[in-house]
Amino acid sequence: MLEKMSYEQANTITNNWLDECSKLRRLDSAAIKQKLKEGFEPAQKGFRPISKEKLKYWKPELTVLLLS
């Protein structure tokens, strides 16, 4: 869903989502928002996220959690 969006659009959507999540469970939203910013900046430069195949190889335990 966030693919091919501008930095501002993606940042607004994820920040709104985090705000809604905080209503259900307290989050350290400043730390999370900083991590998201760190992820969005490389994406702006054209860096792509890790593929499912590479994730399965490098972090199989994380793959199980994400895909279950």
N, C-alpha and C. Protein backbone atom coordinates (compact mmCIF):
# COMPACT_ATOMS: atom_id res chain seq x y z
N MET A 1 0.81 -1.19 0.00
CA MET A 1 0.00 0.00 0.00
C MET A 1 0.86 1.26 0.00
N LEU A 2 1.94 1.27 0.75
CA LEU A 2 2.77 2.46 0.82
C LEU A 2 3.71 2.58 -0.38
N GLU A 3 3.72 1.55 -1.20
CA GLU A 3 4.61 1.54 -2.36
C GLU A 3 4.25 2.67 -3.32
N LYS A 4 5.23 3.37 -3.81
CA LYS A 4 5.10 4.45 -4.79
C LYS A 4 4.41 5.68 -4.24
N MET A 5 4.33 5.82 -2.94
CA MET A 5 3.79 7.04 -2.33
C MET A 5 4.94 7.98 -2.06
N SER A 6 4.59 9.24 -1.93
CA SER A 6 5.61 10.21 -1.54
C SER A 6 6.00 9.97 -0.09
N TYR A 7 7.14 10.49 0.29
CA TYR A 7 7.61 10.38 1.67
C TYR A 7 6.55 10.96 2.61
N GLU A 8 6.02 12.11 2.26
CA GLU A 8 5.05 12.79 3.12
C GLU A 8 3.77 11.96 3.30
N GLN A 9 3.28 11.38 2.20
CA GLN A 9 2.07 10.56 2.29
C GLN A 9 2.30 9.33 3.17
N ALA A 10 3.39 8.62 2.92
CA ALA A 10 3.69 7.42 3.69
C ALA A 10 3.90 7.75 5.16
N ASN A 11 4.59 8.84 5.43
CA ASN A 11 4.86 9.25 6.80
C ASN A 11 3.56 9.62 7.51
N THR A 12 2.67 10.34 6.85
CA THR A 12 1.39 10.72 7.44
C THR A 12 0.54 9.49 7.76
N ILE A 13 0.46 8.56 6.83
CA ILE A 13 -0.34 7.35 7.03
C ILE A 13 0.20 6.53 8.20
N THR A 14 1.51 6.33 8.25
CA THR A 14 2.07 5.50 9.33
C THR A 14 1.97 6.21 10.67
N ASN A 15 2.15 7.52 10.69
CA ASN A 15 2.01 8.25 11.95
C ASN A 15 0.57 8.21 12.46
N ASN A 16 -0.39 8.33 11.57
CA ASN A 16 -1.80 8.21 11.98
C ASN A 16 -2.09 6.81 12.52
N TRP A 17 -1.53 5.80 11.87
CA TRP A 17 -1.71 4.42 12.32
C TRP A 17 -1.11 4.23 13.71
N LEU A 18 0.09 4.78 13.92
CA LEU A 18 0.72 4.68 15.25
C LEU A 18 -0.10 5.39 16.32
N ASP A 19 -0.66 6.53 15.98
CA ASP A 19 -1.49 7.25 16.94
C ASP A 19 -2.71 6.42 17.34
N GLU A 20 -3.32 5.74 16.36
CA GLU A 20 -4.46 4.87 16.67
C GLU A 20 -4.03 3.68 17.52
N CYS A 21 -2.87 3.12 17.22
CA CYS A 21 -2.36 1.99 18.02
C CYS A 21 -2.10 2.43 19.46
N SER A 22 -1.62 3.65 19.63
CA SER A 22 -1.32 4.17 20.97
C SER A 22 -2.58 4.28 21.83
N LYS A 23 -3.71 4.44 21.17
CA LYS A 23 -4.97 4.51 21.92
C LYS A 23 -5.32 3.15 22.54
N LEU A 24 -4.86 2.07 21.88
CA LEU A 24 -5.13 0.72 22.38
C LEU A 24 -4.08 0.25 23.37
N ARG A 25 -2.84 0.63 23.12
CA ARG A 25 -1.73 0.20 23.96
C ARG A 25 -0.66 1.27 23.90
N ARG A 26 -0.15 1.67 25.07
CA ARG A 26 0.84 2.73 25.13
C ARG A 26 2.09 2.33 24.34
N LEU A 27 2.51 3.23 23.46
CA LEU A 27 3.71 3.00 22.66
C LEU A 27 4.71 4.12 22.91
N ASP A 28 5.98 3.81 22.71
CA ASP A 28 6.99 4.86 22.71
C ASP A 28 7.01 5.44 21.29
N SER A 29 6.01 6.26 21.02
CA SER A 29 5.79 6.69 19.65
C SER A 29 6.94 7.51 19.08
N ALA A 30 7.65 8.26 19.92
CA ALA A 30 8.78 9.05 19.42
C ALA A 30 9.87 8.13 18.87
N ALA A 31 10.17 7.06 19.59
CA ALA A 31 11.20 6.11 19.14
C ALA A 31 10.75 5.38 17.88
N ILE A 32 9.49 4.99 17.84
CA ILE A 32 8.97 4.28 16.66
C ILE A 32 8.97 5.20 15.45
N LYS A 33 8.52 6.43 15.63
CA LYS A 33 8.49 7.38 14.51
C LYS A 33 9.89 7.67 13.99
N GLN A 34 10.88 7.69 14.87
CA GLN A 34 12.27 7.89 14.43
C GLN A 34 12.74 6.71 13.59
N LYS A 35 12.41 5.50 14.03
CA LYS A 35 12.79 4.30 13.26
C LYS A 35 12.12 4.32 11.88
N LEU A 36 10.86 4.71 11.84
CA LEU A 36 10.17 4.79 10.55
C LEU A 36 10.83 5.81 9.64
N LYS A 37 11.20 6.94 10.20
CA LYS A 37 11.89 7.97 9.42
C LYS A 37 13.19 7.42 8.85
N GLU A 38 13.92 6.67 9.67
CA GLU A 38 15.17 6.06 9.21
C GLU A 38 14.92 5.06 8.09
N GLY A 39 13.75 4.43 8.09
CA GLY A 39 13.40 3.49 7.03
C GLY A 39 12.92 4.17 5.77
N PHE A 40 12.19 5.27 5.93
CA PHE A 40 11.66 5.99 4.77
C PHE A 40 12.76 6.71 3.98
N GLU A 41 13.75 7.21 4.68
CA GLU A 41 14.80 7.98 3.98
C GLU A 41 15.54 7.14 2.95
N PRO A 42 15.99 5.92 3.27
CA PRO A 42 16.63 5.11 2.22
C PRO A 42 15.66 4.75 1.09
N ALA A 43 14.38 4.56 1.44
CA ALA A 43 13.39 4.24 0.41
C ALA A 43 13.26 5.38 -0.59
N GLN A 44 13.37 6.60 -0.12
CA GLN A 44 13.32 7.76 -1.01
C GLN A 44 14.46 7.72 -2.02
N LYS A 45 15.57 7.15 -1.62
CA LYS A 45 16.74 7.08 -2.49
C LYS A 45 16.70 5.86 -3.41
N GLY A 46 15.63 5.06 -3.30
CA GLY A 46 15.47 3.92 -4.18
C GLY A 46 15.85 2.58 -3.59
N PHE A 47 16.27 2.55 -2.33
CA PHE A 47 16.58 1.28 -1.69
C PHE A 47 15.30 0.51 -1.43
N ARG A 48 15.31 -0.76 -1.71
CA ARG A 48 14.13 -1.61 -1.56
C ARG A 48 14.24 -2.43 -0.28
N PRO A 49 13.12 -2.82 0.31
CA PRO A 49 13.16 -3.70 1.48
C PRO A 49 13.65 -5.10 1.10
N ILE A 50 14.04 -5.85 2.10
CA ILE A 50 14.53 -7.20 1.87
C ILE A 50 13.41 -8.07 1.27
N SER A 51 13.77 -8.95 0.37
CA SER A 51 12.79 -9.84 -0.25
C SER A 51 12.41 -10.95 0.74
N LYS A 52 11.25 -11.58 0.50
CA LYS A 52 10.82 -12.69 1.35
C LYS A 52 11.83 -13.82 1.33
N GLU A 53 12.41 -14.08 0.16
CA GLU A 53 13.38 -15.17 0.04
C GLU A 53 14.63 -14.90 0.89
N LYS A 54 15.14 -13.67 0.81
CA LYS A 54 16.32 -13.33 1.61
C LYS A 54 15.99 -13.32 3.10
N LEU A 55 14.79 -12.83 3.43
CA LEU A 55 14.38 -12.82 4.82
C LEU A 55 14.31 -14.24 5.37
N LYS A 56 13.76 -15.18 4.59
CA LYS A 56 13.69 -16.58 5.02
C LYS A 56 15.07 -17.14 5.28
N TYR A 57 16.04 -16.75 4.46
CA TYR A 57 17.40 -17.25 4.62
C TYR A 57 18.10 -16.61 5.82
N TRP A 58 18.03 -15.28 5.93
CA TRP A 58 18.78 -14.56 6.96
C TRP A 58 18.10 -14.57 8.32
N LYS A 59 16.78 -14.51 8.35
CA LYS A 59 16.05 -14.44 9.61
C LYS A 59 14.83 -15.36 9.58
N PRO A 60 15.04 -16.68 9.58
CA PRO A 60 13.90 -17.60 9.49
C PRO A 60 12.90 -17.45 10.64
N GLU A 61 13.39 -17.14 11.85
CA GLU A 61 12.48 -16.99 12.99
C GLU A 61 11.57 -15.77 12.82
N LEU A 62 12.09 -14.72 12.23
CA LEU A 62 11.28 -13.53 11.97
C LEU A 62 10.28 -13.81 10.86
N THR A 63 10.69 -14.56 9.87
CA THR A 63 9.80 -14.93 8.78
C THR A 63 8.59 -15.69 9.30
N VAL A 64 8.81 -16.61 10.22
CA VAL A 64 7.72 -17.39 10.81
C VAL A 64 6.73 -16.45 11.51
N LEU A 65 7.25 -15.49 12.26
CA LEU A 65 6.38 -14.55 12.97
C LEU A 65 5.58 -13.68 12.01
N LEU A 66 6.22 -13.19 10.98
CA LEU A 66 5.57 -12.27 10.04
C LEU A 66 4.55 -12.96 9.15
N LEU A 67 4.81 -14.20 8.78
CA LEU A 67 3.94 -14.88 7.85
C LEU A 67 2.92 -15.80 8.50
N SER A 68 2.89 -15.82 9.82
CA SER A 68 1.91 -16.69 10.49
C SER A 68 0.63 -15.96 10.80
